Amino acid sequence: MDPDAPSAATAMRLAARVIGVLAVALWIMIFVGGLLAENPEPLTTEGYLIIALSACGAVGVAWAFVNERTGGIITLIVGVAFSVFALATAGRNAWIAVAFAGGPFLAAGALFLGSWWARRQATTG
């Protein structure tokens, strides 16, 4: 059994939680800013998809606080979906959109799963 595994798992879990919560908070701020805009534009299909993906991301991050494996999988799937969506809809700077939209959810999901795996290895090891 690796003596550093529990501390590495704890660090991964903390990093995943911070990244996940910040990503969700950022999308909430974007939505609130859009609602408070002087002349808000009506929602389009893209807008509804962003809201749905953000909500699923929030569910995944929240679920990972209780169950790292399931929440991590949900968050990772949302990160992939957000990345594909950003790549398909972004104009010139598609990779920046991918990194901004899907990157934090991909990172958080991978870290949640890494933390779960490290804890599992430490207990079975």
C-alpha atoms as a PDB file:
ATOM      1  CA  MET A   1       0.000   0.000   0.000  1.00  0.00           C
ATOM      2  CA  ASP A   2       1.364   3.399  -1.011  1.00  0.00           C
ATOM      3  CA  PRO A   3       1.608   5.686   2.042  1.00  0.00           C
ATOM      4  CA  ASP A   4       0.996   8.757  -0.149  1.00  0.00           C
ATOM      5  CA  ALA A   5      -2.243   7.412  -1.673  1.00  0.00           C
ATOM      6  CA  PRO A   6      -4.687   8.820   0.903  1.00  0.00           C
ATOM      7  CA  SER A   7      -3.104  12.271   0.807  1.00  0.00           C
ATOM      8  CA  ALA A   8      -2.986  12.225  -3.000  1.00  0.00           C
ATOM      9  CA  ALA A   9      -6.623  11.161  -3.109  1.00  0.00           C
ATOM     10  CA  THR A  10      -7.549  13.927  -0.689  1.00  0.00           C
ATOM     11  CA  ALA A  11      -5.679  16.512  -2.765  1.00  0.00           C
ATOM     12  CA  MET A  12      -7.375  15.292  -5.957  1.00  0.00           C
ATOM     13  CA  ARG A  13     -10.783  15.409  -4.310  1.00  0.00           C
ATOM     14  CA  LEU A  14     -10.198  18.932  -3.016  1.00  0.00           C
ATOM     15  CA  ALA A  15      -8.957  20.125  -6.415  1.00  0.00           C
ATOM     16  CA  ALA A  16     -11.942  18.499  -8.144  1.00  0.00           C
ATOM     17  CA  ARG A  17     -14.378  20.153  -5.755  1.00  0.00           C
ATOM     18  CA  VAL A  18     -12.800  23.584  -6.167  1.00  0.00           C
ATOM     19  CA  ILE A  19     -12.650  23.356  -9.969  1.00  0.00           C
ATOM     20  CA  GLY A  20     -16.182  21.946 -10.207  1.00  0.00           C
ATOM     21  CA  VAL A  21     -17.748  24.521  -7.904  1.00  0.00           C
ATOM     22  CA  LEU A  22     -15.934  27.365  -9.682  1.00  0.00           C
ATOM     23  CA  ALA A  23     -17.115  26.103 -13.095  1.00  0.00           C
ATOM     24  CA  VAL A  24     -20.726  25.909 -11.900  1.00  0.00           C
ATOM     25  CA  ALA A  25     -20.452  29.333 -10.227  1.00  0.00           C
ATOM     26  CA  LEU A  26     -19.087  30.849 -13.430  1.00  0.00           C
ATOM     27  CA  TRP A  27     -22.027  29.567 -15.474  1.00  0.00           C
ATOM     28  CA  ILE A  28     -24.458  30.837 -12.828  1.00  0.00           C
ATOM     29  CA  MET A  29     -22.825  34.278 -13.030  1.00  0.00           C
ATOM     30  CA  ILE A  30     -23.132  34.217 -16.828  1.00  0.00           C
ATOM     31  CA  PHE A  31     -26.842  33.380 -16.566  1.00  0.00           C
ATOM     32  CA  VAL A  32     -27.508  36.047 -13.946  1.00  0.00           C
ATOM     33  CA  GLY A  33     -25.618  38.592 -16.047  1.00  0.00           C
ATOM     34  CA  GLY A  34     -27.723  37.650 -19.062  1.00  0.00           C
ATOM     35  CA  LEU A  35     -30.930  38.019 -17.071  1.00  0.00           C
ATOM     36  CA  LEU A  36     -29.894  41.407 -15.699  1.00  0.00           C
ATOM     37  CA  ALA A  37     -28.816  42.771 -19.077  1.00  0.00           C
ATOM     38  CA  GLU A  38     -30.545  45.932 -20.196  1.00  0.00           C
ATOM     39  CA  ASN A  39     -31.997  44.388 -23.356  1.00  0.00           C
ATOM     40  CA  PRO A  40     -31.805  40.611 -22.937  1.00  0.00           C
ATOM     41  CA  GLU A  41     -32.063  38.604 -26.131  1.00  0.00           C
ATOM     42  CA  PRO A  42     -34.588  35.764 -26.329  1.00  0.00           C
ATOM     43  CA  LEU A  43     -33.212  32.298 -25.695  1.00  0.00           C
ATOM     44  CA  THR A  44     -32.232  30.236 -28.705  1.00  0.00           C
ATOM     45  CA  THR A  45     -31.726  26.508 -29.032  1.00  0.00           C
ATOM     46  CA  GLU A  46     -28.055  27.070 -28.197  1.00  0.00           C
ATOM     47  CA  GLY A  47     -29.047  28.918 -25.045  1.00  0.00           C
ATOM     48  CA  TYR A  48     -31.306  26.109 -23.904  1.00  0.00           C
ATOM     49  CA  LEU A  49     -28.554  23.552 -24.560  1.00  0.00           C
ATOM     50  CA  ILE A  50     -26.064  25.593 -22.544  1.00  0.00           C
ATOM     51  CA  ILE A  51     -28.545  25.815 -19.676  1.00  0.00           C
ATOM     52  CA  ALA A  52     -29.156  22.053 -19.814  1.00  0.00           C
ATOM     53  CA  LEU A  53     -25.443  21.222 -19.939  1.00  0.00           C
ATOM     54  CA  SER A  54     -24.703  23.625 -17.082  1.00  0.00           C
ATOM     55  CA  ALA A  55     -27.488  22.145 -14.971  1.00  0.00           C
ATOM     56  CA  CYS A  56     -26.192  18.628 -15.640  1.00  0.00           C
ATOM     57  CA  GLY A  57     -22.705  19.807 -14.706  1.00  0.00           C
ATOM     58  CA  ALA A  58     -24.025  21.216 -11.441  1.00  0.00           C
ATOM     59  CA  VAL A  59     -25.775  17.917 -10.707  1.00  0.00           C
ATOM     60  CA  GLY A  60     -22.597  15.967 -11.463  1.00  0.00           C
ATOM     61  CA  VAL A  61     -20.435  18.148  -9.227  1.00  0.00           C
ATOM     62  CA  ALA A  62     -22.997  18.059  -6.401  1.00  0.00           C
ATOM     63  CA  TRP A  63     -23.384  14.288  -6.748  1.00  0.00           C
ATOM     64  CA  ALA A  64     -19.603  13.857  -6.603  1.00  0.00           C
ATOM     65  CA  PHE A  65     -19.613  15.374  -3.120  1.00  0.00           C
ATOM     66  CA  VAL A  66     -21.628  12.313  -2.036  1.00  0.00           C
ATOM     67  CA  ASN A  67     -20.385   9.664  -4.482  1.00  0.00           C
ATOM     68  CA  GLU A  68     -17.145  10.483  -6.277  1.00  0.00           C
ATOM     69  CA  ARG A  69     -17.433   7.716  -8.854  1.00  0.00           C
ATOM     70  CA  THR A  70     -20.954   8.453 -10.083  1.00  0.00           C
ATOM     71  CA  GLY A  71     -20.580  12.226  -9.832  1.00  0.00           C
ATOM     72  CA  GLY A  72     -17.204  12.063 -11.535  1.00  0.00           C
ATOM     73  CA  ILE A  73     -18.649  10.068 -14.430  1.00  0.00           C
ATOM     74  CA  ILE A  74     -21.534  12.528 -14.836  1.00  0.00           C
ATOM     75  CA  THR A  75     -19.174  15.513 -14.662  1.00  0.00           C
ATOM     76  CA  LEU A  76     -16.791  13.932 -17.168  1.00  0.00           C
ATOM     77  CA  ILE A  77     -19.638  13.189 -19.597  1.00  0.00           C
ATOM     78  CA  VAL A  78     -20.860  16.783 -19.261  1.00  0.00           C
ATOM     79  CA  GLY A  79     -17.326  17.991 -19.974  1.00  0.00           C
ATOM     80  CA  VAL A  80     -17.162  15.940 -23.159  1.00  0.00           C
ATOM     81  CA  ALA A  81     -20.638  17.089 -24.228  1.00  0.00           C
ATOM     82  CA  PHE A  82     -19.803  20.740 -23.497  1.00  0.00           C
ATOM     83  CA  SER A  83     -16.550  20.408 -25.444  1.00  0.00           C
ATOM     84  CA  VAL A  84     -18.269  18.899 -28.475  1.00  0.00           C
ATOM     85  CA  PHE A  85     -21.005  21.532 -28.300  1.00  0.00           C
ATOM     86  CA  ALA A  86     -18.453  24.355 -28.074  1.00  0.00           C
ATOM     87  CA  LEU A  87     -16.428  22.926 -30.949  1.00  0.00           C
ATOM     88  CA  ALA A  88     -19.539  22.659 -33.116  1.00  0.00           C
ATOM     89  CA  THR A  89     -20.950  26.104 -32.355  1.00  0.00           C
ATOM     90  CA  ALA A  90     -17.935  28.334 -31.793  1.00  0.00           C
ATOM     91  CA  GLY A  91     -16.618  30.469 -34.580  1.00  0.00           C
ATOM     92  CA  ARG A  92     -12.982  31.406 -34.911  1.00  0.00           C
ATOM     93  CA  ASN A  93     -11.689  30.561 -31.485  1.00  0.00           C
ATOM     94  CA  ALA A  94     -13.235  27.113 -31.194  1.00  0.00           C
ATOM     95  CA  TRP A  95     -10.465  25.655 -29.051  1.00  0.00           C
ATOM     96  CA  ILE A  96     -10.690  28.508 -26.580  1.00  0.00           C
ATOM     97  CA  ALA A  97     -14.432  27.866 -26.334  1.00  0.00           C
ATOM     98  CA  VAL A  98     -13.765  24.153 -25.813  1.00  0.00           C
ATOM     99  CA  ALA A  99     -11.242  24.883 -23.056  1.00  0.00           C
ATOM    100  CA  PHE A 100     -13.576  27.367 -21.355  1.00  0.00           C
ATOM    101  CA  ALA A 101     -16.826  25.404 -21.626  1.00  0.00           C
ATOM    102  CA  GLY A 102     -15.775  21.786 -21.283  1.00  0.00           C
ATOM    103  CA  GLY A 103     -12.292  21.967 -19.800  1.00  0.00           C
ATOM    104  CA  PRO A 104     -13.203  22.630 -16.164  1.00  0.00           C
ATOM    105  CA  PHE A 105     -15.822  19.872 -16.153  1.00  0.00           C
ATOM    106  CA  LEU A 106     -13.381  17.456 -17.816  1.00  0.00           C
ATOM    107  CA  ALA A 107     -10.706  18.292 -15.239  1.00  0.00           C
ATOM    108  CA  ALA A 108     -13.088  18.051 -12.279  1.00  0.00           C
ATOM    109  CA  GLY A 109     -14.580  14.768 -13.498  1.00  0.00           C
ATOM    110  CA  ALA A 110     -11.161  13.222 -14.086  1.00  0.00           C
ATOM    111  CA  LEU A 111      -9.975  14.362 -10.652  1.00  0.00           C
ATOM    112  CA  PHE A 112     -13.086  12.983  -8.936  1.00  0.00           C
ATOM    113  CA  LEU A 113     -12.544   9.640 -10.647  1.00  0.00           C
ATOM    114  CA  GLY A 114      -8.831   9.712  -9.840  1.00  0.00           C
ATOM    115  CA  SER A 115      -9.579  10.377  -6.191  1.00  0.00           C
ATOM    116  CA  TRP A 116     -12.135   7.565  -6.089  1.00  0.00           C
ATOM    117  CA  TRP A 117      -9.680   5.180  -7.749  1.00  0.00           C
ATOM    118  CA  ALA A 118      -6.804   6.126  -5.406  1.00  0.00           C
ATOM    119  CA  ARG A 119      -8.992   5.601  -2.337  1.00  0.00           C
ATOM    120  CA  ARG A 120     -10.175   2.269  -3.704  1.00  0.00           C
ATOM    121  CA  GLN A 121      -6.599   1.150  -4.363  1.00  0.00           C
ATOM    122  CA  ALA A 122      -5.535   2.238  -0.871  1.00  0.00           C
ATOM    123  CA  THR A 123      -8.273   0.158   0.781  1.00  0.00           C
ATOM    124  CA  THR A 124      -7.870  -2.942  -1.407  1.00  0.00           C
ATOM    125  CA  GLY A 125      -4.113  -2.635  -1.876  1.00  0.00           C
END
